[in-house]
Amino acid sequence: MYLEKSVENDVARRISLHYSFIVFTGKVLLNDLFNCEGLDVDLNALEALFYNISNENKAVDRPLLELEQLLEEIDSNRNRLYVDYEPTQAISALYHNGELYLTPAILGLKK
């Protein structure tokens, strides 16, 4: 149900499985635990919240955007890419056996 609602929104689609797990667990566990106490936990507000999030959240997919920017930077500075020869400048990435490995320096990690 949440996946169908979030078809046009990448961010909501990515969290839809996690969100449905939380709602399902809440409905089953909370109501089973508190039913003995005479309490009925209404989780319809969570469903409405997800619909509001998926309709209002038009944010870009930040991880994908960051990856695209990182790959563009590596592409524009190919002299810092270690492939068949060792570059003269600091290494940004390594390409070996068809796989691209990023160095901590390019990811902004401190030593």
PDB file of N, CA and C in Angstrom:
ATOM      1  N   MET A   1       0.826  -1.186   0.000  1.00  0.00           N
ATOM      2  CA  MET A   1       0.000   0.000   0.000  1.00  0.00           C
ATOM      3  C   MET A   1       0.878   1.260   0.000  1.00  0.00           C
ATOM      4  N   TYR A   2       1.924   1.282   0.855  1.00  0.00           N
ATOM      5  CA  TYR A   2       2.803   2.446   0.916  1.00  0.00           C
ATOM      6  C   TYR A   2       3.671   2.549  -0.340  1.00  0.00           C
ATOM      7  N   LEU A   3       4.086   1.424  -0.865  1.00  0.00           N
ATOM      8  CA  LEU A   3       4.899   1.429  -2.081  1.00  0.00           C
ATOM      9  C   LEU A   3       4.104   1.980  -3.260  1.00  0.00           C
ATOM     10  N   GLU A   4       2.836   1.592  -3.370  1.00  0.00           N
ATOM     11  CA  GLU A   4       1.988   2.092  -4.457  1.00  0.00           C
ATOM     12  C   GLU A   4       1.781   3.603  -4.341  1.00  0.00           C
ATOM     13  N   LYS A   5       1.661   4.090  -3.116  1.00  0.00           N
ATOM     14  CA  LYS A   5       1.431   5.518  -2.904  1.00  0.00           C
ATOM     15  C   LYS A   5       2.670   6.343  -3.253  1.00  0.00           C
ATOM     16  N   SER A   6       3.847   5.756  -3.131  1.00  0.00           N
ATOM     17  CA  SER A   6       5.081   6.515  -3.286  1.00  0.00           C
ATOM     18  C   SER A   6       5.772   6.289  -4.628  1.00  0.00           C
ATOM     19  N   VAL A   7       5.040   5.900  -5.646  1.00  0.00           N
ATOM     20  CA  VAL A   7       5.636   5.568  -6.937  1.00  0.00           C
ATOM     21  C   VAL A   7       6.395   6.753  -7.538  1.00  0.00           C
ATOM     22  N   GLU A   8       5.866   7.951  -7.422  1.00  0.00           N
ATOM     23  CA  GLU A   8       6.485   9.118  -8.053  1.00  0.00           C
ATOM     24  C   GLU A   8       7.531   9.791  -7.174  1.00  0.00           C
ATOM     25  N   ASN A   9       7.682   9.367  -5.940  1.00  0.00           N
ATOM     26  CA  ASN A   9       8.589  10.022  -5.009  1.00  0.00           C
ATOM     27  C   ASN A   9       9.676   9.033  -4.598  1.00  0.00           C
ATOM     28  N   ASP A  10      10.914   9.264  -5.038  1.00  0.00           N
ATOM     29  CA  ASP A  10      12.015   8.338  -4.755  1.00  0.00           C
ATOM     30  C   ASP A  10      12.306   8.207  -3.272  1.00  0.00           C
ATOM     31  N   VAL A  11      12.237   9.304  -2.549  1.00  0.00           N
ATOM     32  CA  VAL A  11      12.529   9.276  -1.116  1.00  0.00           C
ATOM     33  C   VAL A  11      11.474   8.457  -0.377  1.00  0.00           C
ATOM     34  N   ALA A  12      10.217   8.702  -0.664  1.00  0.00           N
ATOM     35  CA  ALA A  12       9.140   7.966  -0.007  1.00  0.00           C
ATOM     36  C   ALA A  12       9.162   6.491  -0.405  1.00  0.00           C
ATOM     37  N   ARG A  13       9.529   6.206  -1.659  1.00  0.00           N
ATOM     38  CA  ARG A  13       9.596   4.812  -2.098  1.00  0.00           C
ATOM     39  C   ARG A  13      10.679   4.056  -1.333  1.00  0.00           C
ATOM     40  N   ARG A  14      11.796   4.722  -1.074  1.00  0.00           N
ATOM     41  CA  ARG A  14      12.888   4.069  -0.372  1.00  0.00           C
ATOM     42  C   ARG A  14      12.509   3.748   1.086  1.00  0.00           C
ATOM     43  N   ILE A  15      11.712   4.592   1.715  1.00  0.00           N
ATOM     44  CA  ILE A  15      11.367   4.339   3.109  1.00  0.00           C
ATOM     45  C   ILE A  15      10.032   3.607   3.278  1.00  0.00           C
ATOM     46  N   SER A  16       9.339   3.318   2.186  1.00  0.00           N
ATOM     47  CA  SER A  16       7.997   2.726   2.291  1.00  0.00           C
ATOM     48  C   SER A  16       8.006   1.352   2.963  1.00  0.00           C
ATOM     49  N   LEU A  17       8.985   0.521   2.677  1.00  0.00           N
ATOM     50  CA  LEU A  17       9.046  -0.802   3.302  1.00  0.00           C
ATOM     51  C   LEU A  17       9.275  -0.679   4.794  1.00  0.00           C
ATOM     52  N   HIS A  18      10.180   0.195   5.185  1.00  0.00           N
ATOM     53  CA  HIS A  18      10.458   0.397   6.605  1.00  0.00           C
ATOM     54  C   HIS A  18       9.233   0.969   7.321  1.00  0.00           C
ATOM     55  N   TYR A  19       8.576   1.889   6.668  1.00  0.00           N
ATOM     56  CA  TYR A  19       7.399   2.519   7.257  1.00  0.00           C
ATOM     57  C   TYR A  19       6.274   1.501   7.429  1.00  0.00           C
ATOM     58  N   SER A  20       6.072   0.650   6.418  1.00  0.00           N
ATOM     59  CA  SER A  20       5.010  -0.361   6.531  1.00  0.00           C
ATOM     60  C   SER A  20       5.327  -1.356   7.634  1.00  0.00           C
ATOM     61  N   PHE A  21       6.611  -1.670   7.834  1.00  0.00           N
ATOM     62  CA  PHE A  21       6.999  -2.566   8.918  1.00  0.00           C
ATOM     63  C   PHE A  21       6.673  -1.950  10.272  1.00  0.00           C
ATOM     64  N   ILE A  22       6.937  -0.661  10.417  1.00  0.00           N
ATOM     65  CA  ILE A  22       6.644   0.022  11.683  1.00  0.00           C
ATOM     66  C   ILE A  22       5.145   0.039  11.954  1.00  0.00           C
ATOM     67  N   VAL A  23       4.345   0.354  10.950  1.00  0.00           N
ATOM     68  CA  VAL A  23       2.895   0.417  11.130  1.00  0.00           C
ATOM     69  C   VAL A  23       2.338  -0.968  11.422  1.00  0.00           C
ATOM     70  N   PHE A  24       2.796  -1.979  10.678  1.00  0.00           N
ATOM     71  CA  PHE A  24       2.326  -3.344  10.911  1.00  0.00           C
ATOM     72  C   PHE A  24       2.672  -3.808  12.326  1.00  0.00           C
ATOM     73  N   THR A  25       3.923  -3.572  12.720  1.00  0.00           N
ATOM     74  CA  THR A  25       4.352  -3.968  14.055  1.00  0.00           C
ATOM     75  C   THR A  25       3.543  -3.230  15.118  1.00  0.00           C
ATOM     76  N   GLY A  26       3.310  -1.957  14.882  1.00  0.00           N
ATOM     77  CA  GLY A  26       2.520  -1.181  15.834  1.00  0.00           C
ATOM     78  C   GLY A  26       1.105  -1.706  15.953  1.00  0.00           C
ATOM     79  N   LYS A  27       0.500  -2.041  14.820  1.00  0.00           N
ATOM     80  CA  LYS A  27      -0.872  -2.541  14.863  1.00  0.00           C
ATOM     81  C   LYS A  27      -0.955  -3.879  15.580  1.00  0.00           C
ATOM     82  N   VAL A  28      -0.038  -4.762  15.277  1.00  0.00           N
ATOM     83  CA  VAL A  28      -0.089  -6.104  15.855  1.00  0.00           C
ATOM     84  C   VAL A  28       0.374  -6.105  17.306  1.00  0.00           C
ATOM     85  N   LEU A  29       1.571  -5.614  17.542  1.00  0.00           N
ATOM     86  CA  LEU A  29       2.146  -5.706  18.883  1.00  0.00           C
ATOM     87  C   LEU A  29       1.501  -4.766  19.886  1.00  0.00           C
ATOM     88  N   LEU A  30       1.367  -3.496  19.518  1.00  0.00           N
ATOM     89  CA  LEU A  30       0.802  -2.548  20.471  1.00  0.00           C
ATOM     90  C   LEU A  30      -0.625  -2.907  20.845  1.00  0.00           C
ATOM     91  N   ASN A  31      -1.411  -3.259  19.855  1.00  0.00           N
ATOM     92  CA  ASN A  31      -2.796  -3.616  20.169  1.00  0.00           C
ATOM     93  C   ASN A  31      -2.876  -4.910  20.953  1.00  0.00           C
ATOM     94  N   ASP A  32      -2.000  -5.878  20.696  1.00  0.00           N
ATOM     95  CA  ASP A  32      -1.996  -7.103  21.489  1.00  0.00           C
ATOM     96  C   ASP A  32      -1.546  -6.841  22.915  1.00  0.00           C
ATOM     97  N   LEU A  33      -0.534  -6.000  23.067  1.00  0.00           N
ATOM     98  CA  LEU A  33      -0.031  -5.717  24.405  1.00  0.00           C
ATOM     99  C   LEU A  33      -1.009  -4.894  25.234  1.00  0.00           C
ATOM    100  N   PHE A  34      -1.612  -3.891  24.627  1.00  0.00           N
ATOM    101  CA  PHE A  34      -2.477  -2.991  25.376  1.00  0.00           C
ATOM    102  C   PHE A  34      -3.949  -3.382  25.335  1.00  0.00           C
ATOM    103  N   ASN A  35      -4.301  -4.401  24.584  1.00  0.00           N
ATOM    104  CA  ASN A  35      -5.680  -4.849  24.518  1.00  0.00           C
ATOM    105  C   ASN A  35      -6.142  -5.401  25.865  1.00  0.00           C
ATOM    106  N   CYS A  36      -5.228  -6.053  26.583  1.00  0.00           N
ATOM    107  CA  CYS A  36      -5.554  -6.573  27.916  1.00  0.00           C
ATOM    108  C   CYS A  36      -5.876  -5.443  28.884  1.00  0.00           C
ATOM    109  N   GLU A  37      -5.308  -4.275  28.656  1.00  0.00           N
ATOM    110  CA  GLU A  37      -5.534  -3.119  29.516  1.00  0.00           C
ATOM    111  C   GLU A  37      -6.768  -2.327  29.074  1.00  0.00           C
ATOM    112  N   GLY A  38      -7.394  -2.746  27.995  1.00  0.00           N
ATOM    113  CA  GLY A  38      -8.562  -2.052  27.497  1.00  0.00           C
ATOM    114  C   GLY A  38      -8.237  -0.842  26.632  1.00  0.00           C
ATOM    115  N   LEU A  39      -7.008  -0.775  26.182  1.00  0.00           N
ATOM    116  CA  LEU A  39      -6.569   0.335  25.347  1.00  0.00           C
ATOM    117  C   LEU A  39      -6.519  -0.105  23.898  1.00  0.00           C
ATOM    118  N   ASP A  40      -7.038   0.698  23.028  1.00  0.00           N
ATOM    119  CA  ASP A  40      -6.952   0.418  21.599  1.00  0.00           C
ATOM    120  C   ASP A  40      -6.138   1.535  20.958  1.00  0.00           C
ATOM    121  N   VAL A  41      -4.975   1.188  20.429  1.00  0.00           N
ATOM    122  CA  VAL A  41      -4.078   2.174  19.825  1.00  0.00           C
ATOM    123  C   VAL A  41      -4.472   2.345  18.361  1.00  0.00           C
ATOM    124  N   ASP A  42      -4.868   3.563  18.014  1.00  0.00           N
ATOM    125  CA  ASP A  42      -5.278   3.863  16.645  1.00  0.00           C
ATOM    126  C   ASP A  42      -4.071   4.385  15.875  1.00  0.00           C
ATOM    127  N   LEU A  43      -3.646   3.642  14.864  1.00  0.00           N
ATOM    128  CA  LEU A  43      -2.474   4.022  14.082  1.00  0.00           C
ATOM    129  C   LEU A  43      -2.838   4.573  12.706  1.00  0.00           C
ATOM    130  N   ASN A  44      -4.079   4.960  12.523  1.00  0.00           N
ATOM    131  CA  ASN A  44      -4.482   5.552  11.244  1.00  0.00           C
ATOM    132  C   ASN A  44      -3.783   6.886  11.007  1.00  0.00           C
ATOM    133  N   ALA A  45      -3.396   7.546  12.087  1.00  0.00           N
ATOM    134  CA  ALA A  45      -2.676   8.806  11.942  1.00  0.00           C
ATOM    135  C   ALA A  45      -1.326   8.579  11.260  1.00  0.00           C
ATOM    136  N   LEU A  46      -0.700   7.413  11.490  1.00  0.00           N
ATOM    137  CA  LEU A  46       0.568   7.108  10.827  1.00  0.00           C
ATOM    138  C   LEU A  46       0.378   6.944   9.327  1.00  0.00           C
ATOM    139  N   GLU A  47      -0.718   6.341   8.929  1.00  0.00           N
ATOM    140  CA  GLU A  47      -0.996   6.194   7.500  1.00  0.00           C
ATOM    141  C   GLU A  47      -1.209   7.564   6.855  1.00  0.00           C
ATOM    142  N   ALA A  48      -1.955   8.415   7.524  1.00  0.00           N
ATOM    143  CA  ALA A  48      -2.184   9.764   7.004  1.00  0.00           C
ATOM    144  C   ALA A  48      -0.872  10.543   6.937  1.00  0.00           C
ATOM    145  N   LEU A  49      -0.012  10.345   7.922  1.00  0.00           N
ATOM    146  CA  LEU A  49       1.284  11.022   7.930  1.00  0.00           C
ATOM    147  C   LEU A  49       2.128  10.608   6.724  1.00  0.00           C
ATOM    148  N   PHE A  50       2.144   9.312   6.399  1.00  0.00           N
ATOM    149  CA  PHE A  50       2.924   8.860   5.245  1.00  0.00           C
ATOM    150  C   PHE A  50       2.377   9.447   3.949  1.00  0.00           C
ATOM    151  N   TYR A  51       1.066   9.512   3.813  1.00  0.00           N
ATOM    152  CA  TYR A  51       0.482  10.102   2.614  1.00  0.00           C
ATOM    153  C   TYR A  51       0.858  11.577   2.498  1.00  0.00           C
ATOM    154  N   ASN A  52       0.856  12.289   3.626  1.00  0.00           N
ATOM    155  CA  ASN A  52       1.265  13.695   3.602  1.00  0.00           C
ATOM    156  C   ASN A  52       2.730  13.827   3.219  1.00  0.00           C
ATOM    157  N   ILE A  53       3.576  12.965   3.769  1.00  0.00           N
ATOM    158  CA  ILE A  53       5.002  13.007   3.454  1.00  0.00           C
ATOM    159  C   ILE A  53       5.231  12.754   1.968  1.00  0.00           C
ATOM    160  N   SER A  54       4.582  11.731   1.430  1.00  0.00           N
ATOM    161  CA  SER A  54       4.818  11.389   0.022  1.00  0.00           C
ATOM    162  C   SER A  54       4.250  12.441  -0.925  1.00  0.00           C
ATOM    163  N   ASN A  55       3.204  13.124  -0.522  1.00  0.00           N
ATOM    164  CA  ASN A  55       2.636  14.173  -1.379  1.00  0.00           C
ATOM    165  C   ASN A  55       3.413  15.481  -1.292  1.00  0.00           C
ATOM    166  N   GLU A  56       3.890  15.819  -0.094  1.00  0.00           N
ATOM    167  CA  GLU A  56       4.549  17.099   0.106  1.00  0.00           C
ATOM    168  C   GLU A  56       6.046  17.047  -0.139  1.00  0.00           C
ATOM    169  N   ASN A  57       6.664  15.896   0.068  1.00  0.00           N
ATOM    170  CA  ASN A  57       8.113  15.805  -0.030  1.00  0.00           C
ATOM    171  C   ASN A  57       8.515  15.659  -1.492  1.00  0.00           C
ATOM    172  N   LYS A  58       8.931  16.731  -2.064  1.00  0.00           N
ATOM    173  CA  LYS A  58       9.407  16.711  -3.443  1.00  0.00           C
ATOM    174  C   LYS A  58      10.919  16.884  -3.481  1.00  0.00           C
ATOM    175  N   ALA A  59      11.570  16.534  -2.377  1.00  0.00           N
ATOM    176  CA  ALA A  59      13.019  16.694  -2.273  1.00  0.00           C
ATOM    177  C   ALA A  59      13.724  15.745  -3.228  1.00  0.00           C
ATOM    178  N   VAL A  60      14.905  16.149  -3.605  1.00  0.00           N
ATOM    179  CA  VAL A  60      15.697  15.303  -4.484  1.00  0.00           C
ATOM    180  C   VAL A  60      16.262  14.143  -3.689  1.00  0.00           C
ATOM    181  N   ASP A  61      16.664  13.138  -4.383  1.00  0.00           N
ATOM    182  CA  ASP A  61      17.279  11.970  -3.756  1.00  0.00           C
ATOM    183  C   ASP A  61      18.723  12.346  -3.421  1.00  0.00           C
ATOM    184  N   ARG A  62      18.958  12.740  -2.183  1.00  0.00           N
ATOM    185  CA  ARG A  62      20.259  13.278  -1.775  1.00  0.00           C
ATOM    186  C   ARG A  62      21.407  12.294  -1.975  1.00  0.00           C
ATOM    187  N   PRO A  63      21.289  11.027  -1.578  1.00  0.00           N
ATOM    188  CA  PRO A  63      22.419  10.117  -1.807  1.00  0.00           C
ATOM    189  C   PRO A  63      22.772   9.965  -3.280  1.00  0.00           C
ATOM    190  N   LEU A  64      21.777   9.888  -4.132  1.00  0.00           N
ATOM    191  CA  LEU A  64      22.031   9.774  -5.568  1.00  0.00           C
ATOM    192  C   LEU A  64      22.681  11.044  -6.104  1.00  0.00           C
ATOM    193  N   LEU A  65      22.229  12.191  -5.647  1.00  0.00           N
ATOM    194  CA  LEU A  65      22.803  13.454  -6.072  1.00  0.00           C
ATOM    195  C   LEU A  65      24.264  13.558  -5.640  1.00  0.00           C
ATOM    196  N   GLU A  66      24.561  13.160  -4.413  1.00  0.00           N
ATOM    197  CA  GLU A  66      25.944  13.187  -3.919  1.00  0.00           C
ATOM    198  C   GLU A  66      26.841  12.255  -4.738  1.00  0.00           C
ATOM    199  N   LEU A  67      26.334  11.062  -5.060  1.00  0.00           N
ATOM    200  CA  LEU A  67      27.110  10.119  -5.857  1.00  0.00           C
ATOM    201  C   LEU A  67      27.371  10.666  -7.258  1.00  0.00           C
ATOM    202  N   GLU A  68      26.362  11.271  -7.874  1.00  0.00           N
ATOM    203  CA  GLU A  68      26.548  11.850  -9.207  1.00  0.00           C
ATOM    204  C   GLU A  68      27.591  12.958  -9.186  1.00  0.00           C
ATOM    205  N   GLN A  69      27.560  13.813  -8.153  1.00  0.00           N
ATOM    206  CA  GLN A  69      28.544  14.887  -8.050  1.00  0.00           C
ATOM    207  C   GLN A  69      29.946  14.319  -7.859  1.00  0.00           C
ATOM    208  N   LEU A  70      30.058  13.275  -7.055  1.00  0.00           N
ATOM    209  CA  LEU A  70      31.348  12.649  -6.801  1.00  0.00           C
ATOM    210  C   LEU A  70      31.914  12.031  -8.082  1.00  0.00           C
ATOM    211  N   LEU A  71      31.071  11.336  -8.834  1.00  0.00           N
ATOM    212  CA  LEU A  71      31.519  10.728 -10.090  1.00  0.00           C
ATOM    213  C   LEU A  71      31.878  11.779 -11.130  1.00  0.00           C
ATOM    214  N   GLU A  72      31.155  12.890 -11.142  1.00  0.00           N
ATOM    215  CA  GLU A  72      31.496  13.979 -12.060  1.00  0.00           C
ATOM    216  C   GLU A  72      32.851  14.578 -11.708  1.00  0.00           C
ATOM    217  N   GLU A  73      33.137  14.707 -10.430  1.00  0.00           N
ATOM    218  CA  GLU A  73      34.429  15.239 -10.007  1.00  0.00           C
ATOM    219  C   GLU A  73      35.564  14.293 -10.408  1.00  0.00           C
ATOM    220  N   ILE A  74      35.352  12.996 -10.222  1.00  0.00           N
ATOM    221  CA  ILE A  74      36.367  12.016 -10.624  1.00  0.00           C
ATOM    222  C   ILE A  74      36.546  12.041 -12.138  1.00  0.00           C
ATOM    223  N   ASP A  75      35.447  12.156 -12.871  1.00  0.00           N
ATOM    224  CA  ASP A  75      35.521  12.190 -14.334  1.00  0.00           C
ATOM    225  C   ASP A  75      36.258  13.431 -14.826  1.00  0.00           C
ATOM    226  N   SER A  76      36.039  14.544 -14.166  1.00  0.00           N
ATOM    227  CA  SER A  76      36.699  15.773 -14.611  1.00  0.00           C
ATOM    228  C   SER A  76      38.179  15.823 -14.214  1.00  0.00           C
ATOM    229  N   ASN A  77      38.585  15.008 -13.250  1.00  0.00           N
ATOM    230  CA  ASN A  77      39.987  14.952 -12.821  1.00  0.00           C
ATOM    231  C   ASN A  77      40.531  13.541 -13.028  1.00  0.00           C
ATOM    232  N   ARG A  78      40.511  13.094 -14.252  1.00  0.00           N
ATOM    233  CA  ARG A  78      40.962  11.728 -14.535  1.00  0.00           C
ATOM    234  C   ARG A  78      42.449  11.519 -14.277  1.00  0.00           C
ATOM    235  N   ASN A  79      43.198  12.589 -14.192  1.00  0.00           N
ATOM    236  CA  ASN A  79      44.618  12.445 -13.893  1.00  0.00           C
ATOM    237  C   ASN A  79      44.851  12.050 -12.430  1.00  0.00           C
ATOM    238  N   ARG A  80      43.796  12.025 -11.638  1.00  0.00           N
ATOM    239  CA  ARG A  80      43.884  11.584 -10.246  1.00  0.00           C
ATOM    240  C   ARG A  80      43.283  10.188 -10.055  1.00  0.00           C
ATOM    241  N   LEU A  81      42.984   9.515 -11.162  1.00  0.00           N
ATOM    242  CA  LEU A  81      42.407   8.171 -11.139  1.00  0.00           C
ATOM    243  C   LEU A  81      43.505   7.150 -11.416  1.00  0.00           C
ATOM    244  N   TYR A  82      43.659   6.206 -10.519  1.00  0.00           N
ATOM    245  CA  TYR A  82      44.683   5.169 -10.653  1.00  0.00           C
ATOM    246  C   TYR A  82      44.096   4.016 -11.450  1.00  0.00           C
ATOM    247  N   VAL A  83      44.566   3.826 -12.665  1.00  0.00           N
ATOM    248  CA  VAL A  83      44.084   2.733 -13.518  1.00  0.00           C
ATOM    249  C   VAL A  83      45.266   1.841 -13.868  1.00  0.00           C
ATOM    250  N   ASP A  84      45.936   2.145 -14.959  1.00  0.00           N
ATOM    251  CA  ASP A  84      47.096   1.367 -15.392  1.00  0.00           C
ATOM    252  C   ASP A  84      48.407   2.072 -15.062  1.00  0.00           C
ATOM    253  N   TYR A  85      48.322   3.302 -14.664  1.00  0.00           N
ATOM    254  CA  TYR A  85      49.523   4.060 -14.331  1.00  0.00           C
ATOM    255  C   TYR A  85      49.266   4.804 -13.012  1.00  0.00           C
ATOM    256  N   GLU A  86      50.316   5.132 -12.327  1.00  0.00           N
ATOM    257  CA  GLU A  86      50.184   5.864 -11.078  1.00  0.00           C
ATOM    258  C   GLU A  86      50.144   7.357 -11.381  1.00  0.00           C
ATOM    259  N   PRO A  87      49.104   8.042 -10.930  1.00  0.00           N
ATOM    260  CA  PRO A  87      48.997   9.473 -11.226  1.00  0.00           C
ATOM    261  C   PRO A  87      50.040  10.277 -10.455  1.00  0.00           C
ATOM    262  N   THR A  88      50.336  11.446 -10.988  1.00  0.00           N
ATOM    263  CA  THR A  88      51.332  12.309 -10.346  1.00  0.00           C
ATOM    264  C   THR A  88      50.728  13.112  -9.204  1.00  0.00           C
ATOM    265  N   GLN A  89      49.425  13.273  -9.196  1.00  0.00           N
ATOM    266  CA  GLN A  89      48.747  14.015  -8.134  1.00  0.00           C
ATOM    267  C   GLN A  89      48.159  13.030  -7.118  1.00  0.00           C
ATOM    268  N   ALA A  90      47.507  13.557  -6.108  1.00  0.00           N
ATOM    269  CA  ALA A  90      46.865  12.712  -5.105  1.00  0.00           C
ATOM    270  C   ALA A  90      45.799  11.834  -5.769  1.00  0.00           C
ATOM    271  N   ILE A  91      45.703  10.604  -5.324  1.00  0.00           N
ATOM    272  CA  ILE A  91      44.769   9.642  -5.922  1.00  0.00           C
ATOM    273  C   ILE A  91      43.367   9.862  -5.354  1.00  0.00           C
ATOM    274  N   SER A  92      42.381   9.987  -6.239  1.00  0.00           N
ATOM    275  CA  SER A  92      40.987  10.145  -5.832  1.00  0.00           C
ATOM    276  C   SER A  92      40.250   8.819  -5.830  1.00  0.00           C
ATOM    277  N   ALA A  93      40.617   7.959  -6.790  1.00  0.00           N
ATOM    278  CA  ALA A  93      39.914   6.688  -6.919  1.00  0.00           C
ATOM    279  C   ALA A  93      40.828   5.678  -7.615  1.00  0.00           C
ATOM    280  N   LEU A  94      40.505   4.414  -7.422  1.00  0.00           N
ATOM    281  CA  LEU A  94      41.239   3.315  -8.053  1.00  0.00           C
ATOM    282  C   LEU A  94      40.266   2.531  -8.903  1.00  0.00           C
ATOM    283  N   TYR A  95      40.710   2.141 -10.093  1.00  0.00           N
ATOM    284  CA  TYR A  95      39.891   1.307 -10.957  1.00  0.00           C
ATOM    285  C   TYR A  95      40.656   0.014 -11.189  1.00  0.00           C
ATOM    286  N   HIS A  96      40.085  -1.101 -10.718  1.00  0.00           N
ATOM    287  CA  HIS A  96      40.777  -2.391 -10.805  1.00  0.00           C
ATOM    288  C   HIS A  96      39.753  -3.502 -11.026  1.00  0.00           C
ATOM    289  N   ASN A  97      40.011  -4.348 -12.014  1.00  0.00           N
ATOM    290  CA  ASN A  97      39.145  -5.490 -12.339  1.00  0.00           C
ATOM    291  C   ASN A  97      37.680  -5.077 -12.549  1.00  0.00           C
ATOM    292  N   GLY A  98      37.473  -3.954 -13.182  1.00  0.00           N
ATOM    293  CA  GLY A  98      36.121  -3.518 -13.504  1.00  0.00           C
ATOM    294  C   GLY A  98      35.362  -2.877 -12.358  1.00  0.00           C
ATOM    295  N   GLU A  99      36.029  -2.594 -11.253  1.00  0.00           N
ATOM    296  CA  GLU A  99      35.369  -1.977 -10.107  1.00  0.00           C
ATOM    297  C   GLU A  99      36.058  -0.669  -9.749  1.00  0.00           C
ATOM    298  N   LEU A 100      35.282   0.291  -9.285  1.00  0.00           N
ATOM    299  CA  LEU A 100      35.792   1.594  -8.908  1.00  0.00           C
ATOM    300  C   LEU A 100      35.833   1.683  -7.381  1.00  0.00           C
ATOM    301  N   TYR A 101      36.991   1.997  -6.858  1.00  0.00           N
ATOM    302  CA  TYR A 101      37.184   2.144  -5.414  1.00  0.00           C
ATOM    303  C   TYR A 101      37.494   3.600  -5.118  1.00  0.00           C
ATOM    304  N   LEU A 102      36.787   4.180  -4.168  1.00  0.00           N
ATOM    305  CA  LEU A 102      36.987   5.574  -3.809  1.00  0.00           C
ATOM    306  C   LEU A 102      37.916   5.660  -2.609  1.00  0.00           C
ATOM    307  N   THR A 103      38.796   6.638  -2.634  1.00  0.00           N
ATOM    308  CA  THR A 103      39.717   6.826  -1.518  1.00  0.00           C
ATOM    309  C   THR A 103      39.058   7.679  -0.435  1.00  0.00           C
ATOM    310  N   PRO A 104      39.549   7.566   0.794  1.00  0.00           N
ATOM    311  CA  PRO A 104      38.997   8.407   1.886  1.00  0.00           C
ATOM    312  C   PRO A 104      39.131   9.904   1.597  1.00  0.00           C
ATOM    313  N   ALA A 105      40.171  10.294   0.871  1.00  0.00           N
ATOM    314  CA  ALA A 105      40.370  11.705   0.563  1.00  0.00           C
ATOM    315  C   ALA A 105      39.221  12.270  -0.277  1.00  0.00           C
ATOM    316  N   ILE A 106      38.756  11.534  -1.261  1.00  0.00           N
ATOM    317  CA  ILE A 106      37.680  12.011  -2.119  1.00  0.00           C
ATOM    318  C   ILE A 106      36.336  11.997  -1.399  1.00  0.00           C
ATOM    319  N   LEU A 107      36.191  11.106  -0.431  1.00  0.00           N
ATOM    320  CA  LEU A 107      34.938  11.025   0.320  1.00  0.00           C
ATOM    321  C   LEU A 107      34.862  12.054   1.437  1.00  0.00           C
ATOM    322  N   GLY A 108      35.974  12.740   1.670  1.00  0.00           N
ATOM    323  CA  GLY A 108      35.981  13.762   2.710  1.00  0.00           C
ATOM    324  C   GLY A 108      36.207  13.195   4.094  1.00  0.00           C
ATOM    325  N   LEU A 109      36.714  11.961   4.186  1.00  0.00           N
ATOM    326  CA  LEU A 109      36.991  11.345   5.478  1.00  0.00           C
ATOM    327  C   LEU A 109      38.353  11.786   5.957  1.00  0.00           C
ATOM    328  N   LYS A 110      38.462  11.963   7.247  1.00  0.00           N
ATOM    329  CA  LYS A 110      39.750  12.360   7.822  1.00  0.00           C
ATOM    330  C   LYS A 110      40.557  11.134   8.187  1.00  0.00           C
ATOM    331  N   LYS A 111      41.854  11.300   8.130  1.00  0.00           N
ATOM    332  CA  LYS A 111      42.765  10.192   8.462  1.00  0.00           C
ATOM    333  C   LYS A 111      42.785   9.953   9.952  1.00  0.00           C
TER     334      LYS A 111
END
